[in-house]
Amino acid sequence: MPGTAEAPFTQRESKDPFWAPATVIGLAGFGTTTMLAGVAIASNGANWGVDNGVVFPMALAFGGTAQLIAGLIMLRRGEIFPGSAFVGYGAFWWAFTIFLSGLLGTGFAGGPTASYDIMWFMIVWFLWTLSFLINANKH
């Protein structure tokens, strides 16, 4: 109607109140996996007891799968922004683990372009994160 101001879209109404918010498990999955991966990277060959053998299972189970499930629950509740973030970052951990471990036989080969492969992978995910950062204050 002319002359009436509509409120900006902020959040959808929850479609299914049976599902509790899954933000805690989603954020915990991302945070703990990121910390463990950071320790593995920071050790850089030092004997800290953390290597990819510890990080990969954590990335697949908690960083990838738990976040993916948390994202699907949030989407089911009608919460598009956190749901999309959790599904996206869950996919990140799956893709990054498959890439580095060569789980599907097409992973990180360590050849002359290996640094560029990782660089472009991370640039794409940086842009994904930046798009969420830009839109975060709207949600």
C-alpha atoms as a PDB file:
ATOM      1  CA  MET A   1       0.000   0.000   0.000  1.00  0.00           C
ATOM      2  CA  PRO A   2       1.263   3.467  -0.752  1.00  0.00           C
ATOM      3  CA  GLY A   3       2.323   5.477   2.264  1.00  0.00           C
ATOM      4  CA  THR A   4       2.889   2.524   4.584  1.00  0.00           C
ATOM      5  CA  ALA A   5       6.349   1.458   5.606  1.00  0.00           C
ATOM      6  CA  GLU A   6       6.970  -2.231   5.916  1.00  0.00           C
ATOM      7  CA  ALA A   7       9.367  -3.576   8.495  1.00  0.00           C
ATOM      8  CA  PRO A   8      12.538  -5.000   6.969  1.00  0.00           C
ATOM      9  CA  PHE A   9      12.833  -8.758   6.837  1.00  0.00           C
ATOM     10  CA  THR A  10      14.795  -9.955   9.845  1.00  0.00           C
ATOM     11  CA  GLN A  11      14.032 -13.582  10.577  1.00  0.00           C
ATOM     12  CA  ARG A  12      11.447 -16.124   9.518  1.00  0.00           C
ATOM     13  CA  GLU A  13       9.056 -17.537  12.006  1.00  0.00           C
ATOM     14  CA  SER A  14      10.065 -20.956  13.252  1.00  0.00           C
ATOM     15  CA  LYS A  15       8.172 -23.591  11.288  1.00  0.00           C
ATOM     16  CA  ASP A  16       8.734 -26.418  13.726  1.00  0.00           C
ATOM     17  CA  PRO A  17       9.116 -25.529  17.417  1.00  0.00           C
ATOM     18  CA  PHE A  18       9.974 -29.174  18.137  1.00  0.00           C
ATOM     19  CA  TRP A  19      13.533 -28.534  16.978  1.00  0.00           C
ATOM     20  CA  ALA A  20      15.663 -26.628  19.471  1.00  0.00           C
ATOM     21  CA  PRO A  21      18.188 -24.094  18.171  1.00  0.00           C
ATOM     22  CA  ALA A  22      21.367 -25.872  17.141  1.00  0.00           C
ATOM     23  CA  THR A  23      23.681 -22.864  17.293  1.00  0.00           C
ATOM     24  CA  VAL A  24      25.649 -24.181  20.270  1.00  0.00           C
ATOM     25  CA  ILE A  25      26.628 -27.427  18.565  1.00  0.00           C
ATOM     26  CA  GLY A  26      27.293 -25.640  15.275  1.00  0.00           C
ATOM     27  CA  LEU A  27      29.562 -23.024  16.834  1.00  0.00           C
ATOM     28  CA  ALA A  28      31.285 -25.619  19.015  1.00  0.00           C
ATOM     29  CA  GLY A  29      31.933 -27.799  15.974  1.00  0.00           C
ATOM     30  CA  PHE A  30      33.528 -24.942  14.108  1.00  0.00           C
ATOM     31  CA  GLY A  31      35.473 -23.534  17.062  1.00  0.00           C
ATOM     32  CA  THR A  32      36.959 -26.734  18.429  1.00  0.00           C
ATOM     33  CA  THR A  33      37.928 -28.067  15.020  1.00  0.00           C
ATOM     34  CA  THR A  34      39.513 -24.744  14.076  1.00  0.00           C
ATOM     35  CA  MET A  35      41.494 -24.659  17.333  1.00  0.00           C
ATOM     36  CA  LEU A  36      42.747 -28.214  16.857  1.00  0.00           C
ATOM     37  CA  ALA A  37      43.730 -27.515  13.246  1.00  0.00           C
ATOM     38  CA  GLY A  38      45.482 -24.330  14.394  1.00  0.00           C
ATOM     39  CA  VAL A  39      47.528 -26.248  16.957  1.00  0.00           C
ATOM     40  CA  ALA A  40      48.488 -28.792  14.288  1.00  0.00           C
ATOM     41  CA  ILE A  41      49.591 -26.003  11.943  1.00  0.00           C
ATOM     42  CA  ALA A  42      51.406 -24.087  14.702  1.00  0.00           C
ATOM     43  CA  SER A  43      53.370 -27.164  15.769  1.00  0.00           C
ATOM     44  CA  ASN A  44      54.977 -27.226  12.298  1.00  0.00           C
ATOM     45  CA  GLY A  45      56.772 -30.501  12.886  1.00  0.00           C
ATOM     46  CA  ALA A  46      57.377 -29.983  16.607  1.00  0.00           C
ATOM     47  CA  ASN A  47      56.391 -32.895  18.795  1.00  0.00           C
ATOM     48  CA  TRP A  48      53.190 -31.443  20.264  1.00  0.00           C
ATOM     49  CA  GLY A  49      51.281 -34.659  19.704  1.00  0.00           C
ATOM     50  CA  VAL A  50      48.850 -33.067  17.244  1.00  0.00           C
ATOM     51  CA  ASP A  51      49.031 -33.979  13.586  1.00  0.00           C
ATOM     52  CA  ASN A  52      46.626 -34.579  10.722  1.00  0.00           C
ATOM     53  CA  GLY A  53      45.767 -38.005  12.124  1.00  0.00           C
ATOM     54  CA  VAL A  54      44.005 -36.185  14.955  1.00  0.00           C
ATOM     55  CA  VAL A  55      42.634 -33.270  12.948  1.00  0.00           C
ATOM     56  CA  PHE A  56      41.035 -35.192  10.062  1.00  0.00           C
ATOM     57  CA  PRO A  57      38.613 -37.291  12.163  1.00  0.00           C
ATOM     58  CA  MET A  58      37.659 -34.211  14.190  1.00  0.00           C
ATOM     59  CA  ALA A  59      37.120 -32.226  10.984  1.00  0.00           C
ATOM     60  CA  LEU A  60      34.886 -34.899   9.477  1.00  0.00           C
ATOM     61  CA  ALA A  61      32.886 -35.743  12.602  1.00  0.00           C
ATOM     62  CA  PHE A  62      32.522 -32.521  14.580  1.00  0.00           C
ATOM     63  CA  GLY A  63      33.598 -29.775  12.195  1.00  0.00           C
ATOM     64  CA  GLY A  64      31.855 -31.258   9.164  1.00  0.00           C
ATOM     65  CA  THR A  65      29.010 -33.590  10.059  1.00  0.00           C
ATOM     66  CA  ALA A  66      27.839 -32.007  13.332  1.00  0.00           C
ATOM     67  CA  GLN A  67      27.858 -28.551  11.759  1.00  0.00           C
ATOM     68  CA  LEU A  68      26.018 -29.817   8.711  1.00  0.00           C
ATOM     69  CA  ILE A  69      23.306 -31.353  10.911  1.00  0.00           C
ATOM     70  CA  ALA A  70      23.126 -28.170  13.001  1.00  0.00           C
ATOM     71  CA  GLY A  71      22.692 -26.167   9.803  1.00  0.00           C
ATOM     72  CA  LEU A  72      19.898 -28.409   8.557  1.00  0.00           C
ATOM     73  CA  ILE A  73      18.117 -28.067  11.907  1.00  0.00           C
ATOM     74  CA  MET A  74      18.430 -24.278  11.750  1.00  0.00           C
ATOM     75  CA  LEU A  75      17.112 -24.255   8.183  1.00  0.00           C
ATOM     76  CA  ARG A  76      14.211 -26.463   9.280  1.00  0.00           C
ATOM     77  CA  ARG A  77      13.440 -23.888  11.973  1.00  0.00           C
ATOM     78  CA  GLY A  78      13.347 -21.194   9.289  1.00  0.00           C
ATOM     79  CA  GLU A  79      16.575 -19.516  10.407  1.00  0.00           C
ATOM     80  CA  ILE A  80      18.210 -19.020   7.030  1.00  0.00           C
ATOM     81  CA  PHE A  81      21.377 -17.119   7.978  1.00  0.00           C
ATOM     82  CA  PRO A  82      22.796 -19.427  10.685  1.00  0.00           C
ATOM     83  CA  GLY A  83      21.549 -22.476   8.827  1.00  0.00           C
ATOM     84  CA  SER A  84      23.362 -21.444   5.666  1.00  0.00           C
ATOM     85  CA  ALA A  85      26.525 -20.626   7.608  1.00  0.00           C
ATOM     86  CA  PHE A  86      26.600 -23.982   9.392  1.00  0.00           C
ATOM     87  CA  VAL A  87      25.864 -25.986   6.245  1.00  0.00           C
ATOM     88  CA  GLY A  88      28.530 -24.027   4.357  1.00  0.00           C
ATOM     89  CA  TYR A  89      31.227 -24.414   6.993  1.00  0.00           C
ATOM     90  CA  GLY A  90      30.317 -28.063   7.512  1.00  0.00           C
ATOM     91  CA  ALA A  91      30.911 -28.528   3.790  1.00  0.00           C
ATOM     92  CA  PHE A  92      34.180 -26.601   4.143  1.00  0.00           C
ATOM     93  CA  TRP A  93      35.527 -29.085   6.686  1.00  0.00           C
ATOM     94  CA  TRP A  94      34.478 -32.048   4.571  1.00  0.00           C
ATOM     95  CA  ALA A  95      36.016 -30.563   1.416  1.00  0.00           C
ATOM     96  CA  PHE A  96      39.221 -29.452   3.128  1.00  0.00           C
ATOM     97  CA  THR A  97      39.739 -32.850   4.757  1.00  0.00           C
ATOM     98  CA  ILE A  98      39.093 -34.704   1.507  1.00  0.00           C
ATOM     99  CA  PHE A  99      41.417 -32.305  -0.315  1.00  0.00           C
ATOM    100  CA  LEU A 100      44.313 -32.634   2.148  1.00  0.00           C
ATOM    101  CA  SER A 101      43.979 -36.340   2.858  1.00  0.00           C
ATOM    102  CA  GLY A 102      43.300 -37.537  -0.677  1.00  0.00           C
ATOM    103  CA  LEU A 103      40.327 -39.532   0.603  1.00  0.00           C
ATOM    104  CA  LEU A 104      38.848 -39.770  -2.883  1.00  0.00           C
ATOM    105  CA  GLY A 105      42.170 -40.196  -4.640  1.00  0.00           C
ATOM    106  CA  THR A 106      42.182 -36.672  -6.038  1.00  0.00           C
ATOM    107  CA  GLY A 107      43.530 -34.740  -3.103  1.00  0.00           C
ATOM    108  CA  PHE A 108      46.559 -32.746  -2.204  1.00  0.00           C
ATOM    109  CA  ALA A 109      49.505 -34.111  -4.168  1.00  0.00           C
ATOM    110  CA  GLY A 110      52.187 -31.856  -2.731  1.00  0.00           C
ATOM    111  CA  GLY A 111      53.464 -31.037  -6.215  1.00  0.00           C
ATOM    112  CA  PRO A 112      54.792 -27.721  -7.512  1.00  0.00           C
ATOM    113  CA  THR A 113      51.336 -26.123  -7.538  1.00  0.00           C
ATOM    114  CA  ALA A 114      50.269 -27.390  -4.102  1.00  0.00           C
ATOM    115  CA  SER A 115      50.617 -23.998  -2.427  1.00  0.00           C
ATOM    116  CA  TYR A 116      48.509 -22.397  -5.129  1.00  0.00           C
ATOM    117  CA  ASP A 117      45.858 -25.094  -4.783  1.00  0.00           C
ATOM    118  CA  ILE A 118      45.516 -24.369  -1.078  1.00  0.00           C
ATOM    119  CA  MET A 119      45.676 -20.623  -1.693  1.00  0.00           C
ATOM    120  CA  TRP A 120      42.767 -20.630  -4.160  1.00  0.00           C
ATOM    121  CA  PHE A 121      40.759 -22.976  -1.976  1.00  0.00           C
ATOM    122  CA  MET A 122      41.189 -20.573   0.948  1.00  0.00           C
ATOM    123  CA  ILE A 123      40.459 -17.483  -1.168  1.00  0.00           C
ATOM    124  CA  VAL A 124      37.112 -18.958  -2.197  1.00  0.00           C
ATOM    125  CA  TRP A 125      36.251 -19.642   1.443  1.00  0.00           C
ATOM    126  CA  PHE A 126      37.475 -16.191   2.460  1.00  0.00           C
ATOM    127  CA  LEU A 127      35.002 -14.691  -0.017  1.00  0.00           C
ATOM    128  CA  TRP A 128      32.248 -16.928   1.392  1.00  0.00           C
ATOM    129  CA  THR A 129      33.094 -15.713   4.913  1.00  0.00           C
ATOM    130  CA  LEU A 130      33.275 -12.095   3.764  1.00  0.00           C
ATOM    131  CA  SER A 131      29.790 -12.328   2.252  1.00  0.00           C
ATOM    132  CA  PHE A 132      28.459 -13.555   5.595  1.00  0.00           C
ATOM    133  CA  LEU A 133      30.341 -10.836   7.475  1.00  0.00           C
ATOM    134  CA  ILE A 134      28.822  -8.145   5.262  1.00  0.00           C
ATOM    135  CA  ASN A 135      25.312  -9.494   5.868  1.00  0.00           C
ATOM    136  CA  ALA A 136      25.718 -10.388   9.557  1.00  0.00           C
ATOM    137  CA  ASN A 137      24.316  -7.135  10.924  1.00  0.00           C
ATOM    138  CA  LYS A 138      21.092  -7.645   8.952  1.00  0.00           C
ATOM    139  CA  HIS A 139      20.328 -10.891  10.745  1.00  0.00           C
END
